[in-house]
Amino acid sequence: MIVDIVAWLASLSLAVFLLWTARRRGGAFVAKAAIASIVLGMALVIGVGVVLRRLEIRPSDDVVQIAMQLLMTLLVIAMLNIMNILFHGLVEMQIAFHQRFNVANLHRFPVRFVIAHRQRLKRVATILWCFAAALMLYGVWFDMRTSHTV
């Protein structure tokens, strides 16, 4: 139980750190790194499984479960970072569209609000992604064990 709590807190702090610092590193870099981590993480798990099968080694259920929890943690963090970058990009694209093609209505409520509060909107979205990370990683580290019991 203590190991699960420490793992959940460590993975959550990593997710929050990456979500908050993603824009400083550039959206394209974060998206590429997230996609690469998803592909490499899955390839690593498959590769280890193939090697263990060829060597006729059967790992214990706890080892398999921890490996799956680590892979799911990697997937959750990567996917949330992609969604965060996409949301930030969508806000900027919406503002650029209205500034280019809708100049006559920039003073109206929804457009003016988005332009005036773009940083707050991005910050609120990032906070929501952090809460989503906490909930998903809680499920990964605490509720995966119940799926194996009958």
N, C-alpha and C. Protein backbone atom coordinates (compact mmCIF):
# COMPACT_ATOMS: atom_id res chain seq x y z
N MET A 1 0.82 -1.19 0.00
CA MET A 1 0.00 0.00 0.00
C MET A 1 0.87 1.26 0.00
N ILE A 2 1.93 1.27 0.78
CA ILE A 2 2.83 2.42 0.83
C ILE A 2 3.53 2.60 -0.52
N VAL A 3 3.90 1.49 -1.14
CA VAL A 3 4.56 1.56 -2.44
C VAL A 3 3.62 2.16 -3.47
N ASP A 4 2.33 1.78 -3.41
CA ASP A 4 1.35 2.34 -4.35
C ASP A 4 1.18 3.84 -4.14
N ILE A 5 1.15 4.27 -2.89
CA ILE A 5 0.99 5.70 -2.60
C ILE A 5 2.20 6.47 -3.11
N VAL A 6 3.39 5.95 -2.85
CA VAL A 6 4.61 6.63 -3.32
C VAL A 6 4.65 6.66 -4.85
N ALA A 7 4.30 5.55 -5.48
CA ALA A 7 4.30 5.50 -6.95
C ALA A 7 3.27 6.46 -7.52
N TRP A 8 2.08 6.53 -6.90
CA TRP A 8 1.05 7.45 -7.37
C TRP A 8 1.50 8.89 -7.23
N LEU A 9 2.07 9.23 -6.07
CA LEU A 9 2.54 10.60 -5.86
C LEU A 9 3.68 10.96 -6.81
N ALA A 10 4.59 10.02 -7.05
CA ALA A 10 5.71 10.29 -7.96
C ALA A 10 5.20 10.48 -9.39
N SER A 11 4.30 9.61 -9.83
CA SER A 11 3.80 9.74 -11.19
C SER A 11 2.92 10.97 -11.34
N LEU A 12 2.17 11.32 -10.31
CA LEU A 12 1.35 12.53 -10.36
C LEU A 12 2.22 13.78 -10.39
N SER A 13 3.26 13.81 -9.59
CA SER A 13 4.13 14.98 -9.60
C SER A 13 4.85 15.11 -10.94
N LEU A 14 5.23 14.01 -11.55
CA LEU A 14 5.83 14.06 -12.88
C LEU A 14 4.83 14.59 -13.91
N ALA A 15 3.59 14.12 -13.84
CA ALA A 15 2.56 14.58 -14.77
C ALA A 15 2.30 16.07 -14.61
N VAL A 16 2.16 16.53 -13.38
CA VAL A 16 1.90 17.95 -13.14
C VAL A 16 3.08 18.80 -13.60
N PHE A 17 4.29 18.34 -13.31
CA PHE A 17 5.48 19.08 -13.75
C PHE A 17 5.52 19.20 -15.28
N LEU A 18 5.28 18.10 -15.96
CA LEU A 18 5.31 18.13 -17.42
C LEU A 18 4.19 18.97 -18.01
N LEU A 19 3.01 18.92 -17.39
CA LEU A 19 1.90 19.73 -17.89
C LEU A 19 2.18 21.22 -17.72
N TRP A 20 2.76 21.61 -16.59
CA TRP A 20 3.01 23.03 -16.34
C TRP A 20 4.17 23.58 -17.14
N THR A 21 5.11 22.76 -17.49
CA THR A 21 6.30 23.26 -18.20
C THR A 21 6.27 22.96 -19.69
N ALA A 22 5.19 22.39 -20.18
CA ALA A 22 5.13 21.97 -21.58
C ALA A 22 5.24 23.14 -22.55
N ARG A 23 4.60 24.24 -22.27
CA ARG A 23 4.60 25.37 -23.20
C ARG A 23 5.98 26.02 -23.30
N ARG A 24 6.77 25.94 -22.25
CA ARG A 24 8.11 26.53 -22.29
C ARG A 24 9.04 25.76 -23.21
N ARG A 25 8.80 24.47 -23.36
CA ARG A 25 9.64 23.64 -24.22
C ARG A 25 9.19 23.62 -25.66
N GLY A 26 8.03 24.17 -25.93
CA GLY A 26 7.51 24.19 -27.30
C GLY A 26 6.54 23.05 -27.53
N GLY A 27 5.43 23.38 -28.14
CA GLY A 27 4.38 22.40 -28.36
C GLY A 27 4.78 21.26 -29.26
N ALA A 28 5.52 21.56 -30.32
CA ALA A 28 5.91 20.49 -31.25
C ALA A 28 6.84 19.49 -30.57
N PHE A 29 7.77 19.98 -29.77
CA PHE A 29 8.70 19.08 -29.07
C PHE A 29 7.95 18.18 -28.09
N VAL A 30 7.03 18.77 -27.33
CA VAL A 30 6.29 17.99 -26.34
C VAL A 30 5.41 16.94 -27.02
N ALA A 31 4.76 17.32 -28.11
CA ALA A 31 3.91 16.36 -28.82
C ALA A 31 4.75 15.22 -29.39
N LYS A 32 5.89 15.54 -30.00
CA LYS A 32 6.76 14.48 -30.54
C LYS A 32 7.30 13.59 -29.43
N ALA A 33 7.70 14.19 -28.31
CA ALA A 33 8.22 13.40 -27.19
C ALA A 33 7.13 12.51 -26.60
N ALA A 34 5.91 13.02 -26.51
CA ALA A 34 4.81 12.21 -25.96
C ALA A 34 4.49 11.04 -26.87
N ILE A 35 4.40 11.28 -28.16
CA ILE A 35 4.12 10.20 -29.11
C ILE A 35 5.26 9.18 -29.12
N ALA A 36 6.48 9.67 -29.08
CA ALA A 36 7.63 8.76 -29.04
C ALA A 36 7.62 7.92 -27.76
N SER A 37 7.27 8.53 -26.63
CA SER A 37 7.24 7.76 -25.38
C SER A 37 6.15 6.70 -25.40
N ILE A 38 5.02 7.00 -26.05
CA ILE A 38 3.96 6.00 -26.17
C ILE A 38 4.45 4.82 -27.00
N VAL A 39 5.01 5.12 -28.16
CA VAL A 39 5.48 4.05 -29.06
C VAL A 39 6.61 3.25 -28.42
N LEU A 40 7.59 3.95 -27.85
CA LEU A 40 8.73 3.25 -27.24
C LEU A 40 8.32 2.46 -26.00
N GLY A 41 7.40 2.99 -25.22
CA GLY A 41 6.93 2.26 -24.04
C GLY A 41 6.24 0.97 -24.42
N MET A 42 5.39 1.03 -25.43
CA MET A 42 4.71 -0.18 -25.87
C MET A 42 5.69 -1.16 -26.51
N ALA A 43 6.64 -0.65 -27.28
CA ALA A 43 7.65 -1.52 -27.89
C ALA A 43 8.50 -2.19 -26.83
N LEU A 44 8.82 -1.45 -25.77
CA LEU A 44 9.62 -2.01 -24.68
C LEU A 44 8.88 -3.15 -23.99
N VAL A 45 7.62 -2.94 -23.69
CA VAL A 45 6.85 -3.99 -23.02
C VAL A 45 6.71 -5.22 -23.91
N ILE A 46 6.43 -5.00 -25.18
CA ILE A 46 6.31 -6.13 -26.12
C ILE A 46 7.65 -6.83 -26.27
N GLY A 47 8.73 -6.07 -26.38
CA GLY A 47 10.06 -6.64 -26.52
C GLY A 47 10.46 -7.48 -25.31
N VAL A 48 10.20 -6.95 -24.13
CA VAL A 48 10.52 -7.72 -22.91
C VAL A 48 9.67 -8.98 -22.86
N GLY A 49 8.40 -8.89 -23.24
CA GLY A 49 7.55 -10.07 -23.26
C GLY A 49 8.04 -11.13 -24.22
N VAL A 50 8.49 -10.72 -25.40
CA VAL A 50 9.02 -11.67 -26.38
C VAL A 50 10.29 -12.33 -25.87
N VAL A 51 11.19 -11.53 -25.29
CA VAL A 51 12.45 -12.08 -24.77
C VAL A 51 12.17 -13.07 -23.64
N LEU A 52 11.26 -12.72 -22.74
CA LEU A 52 10.95 -13.63 -21.63
C LEU A 52 10.31 -14.92 -22.14
N ARG A 53 9.48 -14.82 -23.16
CA ARG A 53 8.85 -16.02 -23.71
C ARG A 53 9.90 -16.92 -24.38
N ARG A 54 10.83 -16.30 -25.12
CA ARG A 54 11.88 -17.11 -25.79
C ARG A 54 12.80 -17.77 -24.77
N LEU A 55 13.05 -17.09 -23.66
CA LEU A 55 13.89 -17.67 -22.62
C LEU A 55 13.10 -18.60 -21.70
N GLU A 56 11.81 -18.73 -21.97
CA GLU A 56 10.90 -19.57 -21.18
C GLU A 56 10.91 -19.19 -19.70
N ILE A 57 10.88 -17.88 -19.47
CA ILE A 57 10.81 -17.36 -18.11
C ILE A 57 9.40 -16.81 -17.91
N ARG A 58 8.75 -17.25 -16.86
CA ARG A 58 7.41 -16.76 -16.55
C ARG A 58 7.52 -15.82 -15.36
N PRO A 59 7.36 -14.51 -15.58
CA PRO A 59 7.43 -13.58 -14.45
C PRO A 59 6.20 -13.72 -13.56
N SER A 60 6.36 -13.31 -12.32
CA SER A 60 5.23 -13.40 -11.39
C SER A 60 4.15 -12.38 -11.78
N ASP A 61 2.97 -12.59 -11.25
CA ASP A 61 1.86 -11.68 -11.55
C ASP A 61 2.15 -10.27 -11.06
N ASP A 62 2.86 -10.14 -9.94
CA ASP A 62 3.18 -8.81 -9.42
C ASP A 62 4.12 -8.05 -10.36
N VAL A 63 5.08 -8.74 -10.94
CA VAL A 63 6.00 -8.09 -11.88
C VAL A 63 5.25 -7.64 -13.13
N VAL A 64 4.36 -8.48 -13.63
CA VAL A 64 3.57 -8.12 -14.81
C VAL A 64 2.66 -6.93 -14.50
N GLN A 65 2.07 -6.95 -13.32
CA GLN A 65 1.17 -5.87 -12.95
C GLN A 65 1.92 -4.55 -12.80
N ILE A 66 3.08 -4.56 -12.19
CA ILE A 66 3.87 -3.33 -12.04
C ILE A 66 4.32 -2.83 -13.41
N ALA A 67 4.70 -3.75 -14.29
CA ALA A 67 5.09 -3.33 -15.64
C ALA A 67 3.91 -2.67 -16.37
N MET A 68 2.73 -3.24 -16.22
CA MET A 68 1.55 -2.64 -16.86
C MET A 68 1.19 -1.31 -16.22
N GLN A 69 1.36 -1.20 -14.91
CA GLN A 69 1.10 0.08 -14.24
C GLN A 69 2.06 1.15 -14.72
N LEU A 70 3.32 0.79 -14.89
CA LEU A 70 4.29 1.76 -15.39
C LEU A 70 3.97 2.17 -16.83
N LEU A 71 3.59 1.20 -17.65
CA LEU A 71 3.22 1.52 -19.02
C LEU A 71 1.98 2.41 -19.06
N MET A 72 0.98 2.11 -18.27
CA MET A 72 -0.23 2.92 -18.23
C MET A 72 0.07 4.32 -17.70
N THR A 73 0.98 4.43 -16.74
CA THR A 73 1.38 5.75 -16.24
C THR A 73 2.02 6.56 -17.35
N LEU A 74 2.90 5.93 -18.10
CA LEU A 74 3.55 6.60 -19.23
C LEU A 74 2.51 7.04 -20.26
N LEU A 75 1.56 6.18 -20.56
CA LEU A 75 0.52 6.51 -21.54
C LEU A 75 -0.36 7.66 -21.06
N VAL A 76 -0.75 7.65 -19.80
CA VAL A 76 -1.61 8.71 -19.26
C VAL A 76 -0.89 10.05 -19.31
N ILE A 77 0.36 10.07 -18.87
CA ILE A 77 1.11 11.32 -18.86
C ILE A 77 1.32 11.84 -20.28
N ALA A 78 1.66 10.95 -21.19
CA ALA A 78 1.88 11.38 -22.57
C ALA A 78 0.60 11.89 -23.21
N MET A 79 -0.49 11.19 -23.04
CA MET A 79 -1.75 11.61 -23.65
C MET A 79 -2.25 12.93 -23.07
N LEU A 80 -2.10 13.12 -21.77
CA LEU A 80 -2.53 14.38 -21.18
C LEU A 80 -1.66 15.54 -21.65
N ASN A 81 -0.39 15.30 -21.84
CA ASN A 81 0.47 16.36 -22.38
C ASN A 81 0.07 16.71 -23.81
N ILE A 82 -0.26 15.72 -24.60
CA ILE A 82 -0.73 15.99 -25.97
C ILE A 82 -2.02 16.80 -25.93
N MET A 83 -2.96 16.42 -25.07
CA MET A 83 -4.21 17.15 -24.98
C MET A 83 -4.00 18.58 -24.50
N ASN A 84 -3.09 18.78 -23.58
CA ASN A 84 -2.80 20.12 -23.08
C ASN A 84 -2.22 21.00 -24.19
N ILE A 85 -1.29 20.46 -24.94
CA ILE A 85 -0.69 21.22 -26.04
C ILE A 85 -1.74 21.52 -27.11
N LEU A 86 -2.59 20.54 -27.40
CA LEU A 86 -3.65 20.76 -28.39
C LEU A 86 -4.62 21.84 -27.94
N PHE A 87 -4.99 21.84 -26.68
CA PHE A 87 -5.91 22.87 -26.20
C PHE A 87 -5.28 24.26 -26.29
N HIS A 88 -4.04 24.37 -25.89
CA HIS A 88 -3.35 25.67 -25.98
C HIS A 88 -3.29 26.13 -27.43
N GLY A 89 -3.00 25.22 -28.33
CA GLY A 89 -2.95 25.55 -29.75
C GLY A 89 -4.32 25.96 -30.29
N LEU A 90 -5.37 25.27 -29.84
CA LEU A 90 -6.72 25.61 -30.29
C LEU A 90 -7.12 27.02 -29.84
N VAL A 91 -6.76 27.39 -28.63
CA VAL A 91 -7.06 28.74 -28.16
C VAL A 91 -6.36 29.77 -29.04
N GLU A 92 -5.08 29.54 -29.31
CA GLU A 92 -4.34 30.48 -30.14
C GLU A 92 -4.88 30.52 -31.58
N MET A 93 -5.28 29.37 -32.11
CA MET A 93 -5.83 29.35 -33.46
C MET A 93 -7.17 30.08 -33.53
N GLN A 94 -7.97 29.91 -32.51
CA GLN A 94 -9.26 30.60 -32.48
C GLN A 94 -9.04 32.12 -32.42
N ILE A 95 -8.11 32.57 -31.62
CA ILE A 95 -7.83 34.00 -31.52
C ILE A 95 -7.28 34.52 -32.85
N ALA A 96 -6.37 33.78 -33.45
CA ALA A 96 -5.79 34.22 -34.73
C ALA A 96 -6.87 34.28 -35.82
N PHE A 97 -7.78 33.31 -35.83
CA PHE A 97 -8.85 33.31 -36.82
C PHE A 97 -9.71 34.56 -36.67
N HIS A 98 -10.12 34.86 -35.45
CA HIS A 98 -11.00 36.01 -35.24
C HIS A 98 -10.27 37.33 -35.51
N GLN A 99 -9.00 37.40 -35.20
CA GLN A 99 -8.25 38.63 -35.49
C GLN A 99 -8.04 38.81 -36.99
N ARG A 100 -8.05 37.74 -37.73
CA ARG A 100 -7.84 37.84 -39.17
C ARG A 100 -9.14 37.98 -39.96
N PHE A 101 -10.15 37.17 -39.62
CA PHE A 101 -11.36 37.12 -40.43
C PHE A 101 -12.60 37.72 -39.76
N ASN A 102 -12.51 38.11 -38.52
CA ASN A 102 -13.68 38.60 -37.80
C ASN A 102 -13.36 39.88 -37.05
N VAL A 103 -12.64 40.77 -37.66
CA VAL A 103 -12.19 42.01 -37.01
C VAL A 103 -13.38 42.85 -36.57
N ALA A 104 -14.46 42.83 -37.32
CA ALA A 104 -15.62 43.66 -36.99
C ALA A 104 -16.29 43.25 -35.68
N ASN A 105 -16.11 42.00 -35.25
CA ASN A 105 -16.77 41.51 -34.04
C ASN A 105 -15.81 41.24 -32.89
N LEU A 106 -14.62 41.78 -32.93
CA LEU A 106 -13.66 41.54 -31.85
C LEU A 106 -14.13 42.14 -30.52
N HIS A 107 -15.00 43.13 -30.57
CA HIS A 107 -15.47 43.76 -29.35
C HIS A 107 -16.64 43.00 -28.71
N ARG A 108 -17.21 42.03 -29.38
CA ARG A 108 -18.35 41.29 -28.85
C ARG A 108 -17.91 40.29 -27.79
N PHE A 109 -18.90 39.84 -26.99
CA PHE A 109 -18.60 39.10 -25.77
C PHE A 109 -17.73 37.85 -25.93
N PRO A 110 -18.13 36.83 -26.63
CA PRO A 110 -17.29 35.62 -26.54
C PRO A 110 -15.88 35.84 -27.08
N VAL A 111 -15.76 36.57 -28.16
CA VAL A 111 -14.45 36.76 -28.78
C VAL A 111 -13.57 37.64 -27.89
N ARG A 112 -14.13 38.71 -27.40
CA ARG A 112 -13.38 39.62 -26.53
C ARG A 112 -12.92 38.91 -25.26
N PHE A 113 -13.79 38.08 -24.70
CA PHE A 113 -13.45 37.35 -23.49
C PHE A 113 -12.28 36.40 -23.72
N VAL A 114 -12.32 35.65 -24.82
CA VAL A 114 -11.25 34.70 -25.11
C VAL A 114 -9.92 35.43 -25.33
N ILE A 115 -9.98 36.54 -26.07
CA ILE A 115 -8.75 37.30 -26.33
C ILE A 115 -8.19 37.89 -25.05
N ALA A 116 -9.06 38.45 -24.23
CA ALA A 116 -8.60 39.10 -23.00
C ALA A 116 -8.09 38.11 -21.96
N HIS A 117 -8.64 36.91 -21.95
CA HIS A 117 -8.31 35.93 -20.89
C HIS A 117 -7.65 34.68 -21.43
N ARG A 118 -6.88 34.80 -22.47
CA ARG A 118 -6.28 33.61 -23.08
C ARG A 118 -5.36 32.87 -22.12
N GLN A 119 -4.56 33.59 -21.35
CA GLN A 119 -3.64 32.92 -20.41
C GLN A 119 -4.41 32.24 -19.28
N ARG A 120 -5.48 32.89 -18.80
CA ARG A 120 -6.30 32.26 -17.76
C ARG A 120 -6.98 31.00 -18.27
N LEU A 121 -7.49 31.06 -19.49
CA LEU A 121 -8.12 29.88 -20.08
C LEU A 121 -7.13 28.72 -20.17
N LYS A 122 -5.93 29.03 -20.60
CA LYS A 122 -4.90 27.98 -20.71
C LYS A 122 -4.54 27.44 -19.33
N ARG A 123 -4.43 28.34 -18.35
CA ARG A 123 -4.07 27.92 -17.00
C ARG A 123 -5.17 27.04 -16.40
N VAL A 124 -6.43 27.42 -16.58
CA VAL A 124 -7.55 26.62 -16.07
C VAL A 124 -7.58 25.25 -16.74
N ALA A 125 -7.35 25.22 -18.04
CA ALA A 125 -7.31 23.94 -18.74
C ALA A 125 -6.18 23.05 -18.21
N THR A 126 -5.02 23.65 -17.96
CA THR A 126 -3.90 22.87 -17.43
C THR A 126 -4.23 22.34 -16.04
N ILE A 127 -4.91 23.14 -15.23
CA ILE A 127 -5.33 22.67 -13.90
C ILE A 127 -6.30 21.50 -14.04
N LEU A 128 -7.23 21.60 -14.99
CA LEU A 128 -8.16 20.49 -15.21
C LEU A 128 -7.43 19.23 -15.67
N TRP A 129 -6.41 19.38 -16.53
CA TRP A 129 -5.63 18.21 -16.95
C TRP A 129 -4.89 17.62 -15.75
N CYS A 130 -4.44 18.47 -14.82
CA CYS A 130 -3.75 17.96 -13.62
C CYS A 130 -4.72 17.14 -12.76
N PHE A 131 -5.95 17.64 -12.60
CA PHE A 131 -6.95 16.85 -11.85
C PHE A 131 -7.26 15.55 -12.58
N ALA A 132 -7.33 15.60 -13.90
CA ALA A 132 -7.57 14.37 -14.67
C ALA A 132 -6.42 13.39 -14.47
N ALA A 133 -5.19 13.92 -14.43
CA ALA A 133 -4.03 13.05 -14.20
C ALA A 133 -4.13 12.39 -12.84
N ALA A 134 -4.51 13.16 -11.83
CA ALA A 134 -4.63 12.59 -10.48
C ALA A 134 -5.66 11.46 -10.46
N LEU A 135 -6.78 11.68 -11.09
CA LEU A 135 -7.83 10.67 -11.10
C LEU A 135 -7.41 9.43 -11.89
N MET A 136 -6.84 9.62 -13.06
CA MET A 136 -6.44 8.48 -13.88
C MET A 136 -5.29 7.70 -13.24
N LEU A 137 -4.32 8.41 -12.69
CA LEU A 137 -3.20 7.72 -12.07
C LEU A 137 -3.62 7.03 -10.77
N TYR A 138 -4.61 7.58 -10.09
CA TYR A 138 -5.18 6.88 -8.93
C TYR A 138 -5.75 5.54 -9.38
N GLY A 139 -6.47 5.55 -10.49
CA GLY A 139 -7.03 4.31 -11.02
C GLY A 139 -5.96 3.32 -11.43
N VAL A 140 -4.87 3.82 -11.99
CA VAL A 140 -3.77 2.95 -12.41
C VAL A 140 -3.10 2.31 -11.21
N TRP A 141 -2.81 3.10 -10.18
CA TRP A 141 -2.00 2.57 -9.07
C TRP A 141 -2.81 1.92 -7.96
N PHE A 142 -4.11 2.21 -7.85
CA PHE A 142 -4.87 1.62 -6.75
C PHE A 142 -5.97 0.67 -7.20
N ASP A 143 -6.57 0.90 -8.36
CA ASP A 143 -7.70 0.08 -8.75
C ASP A 143 -7.34 -1.04 -9.72
N MET A 144 -6.12 -1.09 -10.22
CA MET A 144 -5.77 -2.18 -11.13
C MET A 144 -5.67 -3.50 -10.41
N ARG A 145 -5.36 -3.47 -9.15
CA ARG A 145 -5.22 -4.73 -8.39
C ARG A 145 -6.56 -5.44 -8.26
N THR A 146 -7.64 -4.70 -8.15
CA THR A 146 -8.93 -5.35 -7.97
C THR A 146 -9.40 -6.09 -9.21
N SER A 147 -8.83 -5.76 -10.38
CA SER A 147 -9.27 -6.42 -11.59
C SER A 147 -8.79 -7.87 -11.69
N HIS A 148 -7.78 -8.25 -10.92
CA HIS A 148 -7.26 -9.62 -10.97
C HIS A 148 -7.93 -10.54 -9.95
N THR A 149 -8.59 -9.98 -8.97
CA THR A 149 -9.21 -10.84 -7.96
C THR A 149 -10.61 -11.22 -8.41
N VAL A 150 -11.04 -12.37 -7.96
CA VAL A 150 -12.37 -12.87 -8.32
C VAL A 150 -13.27 -12.85 -7.13
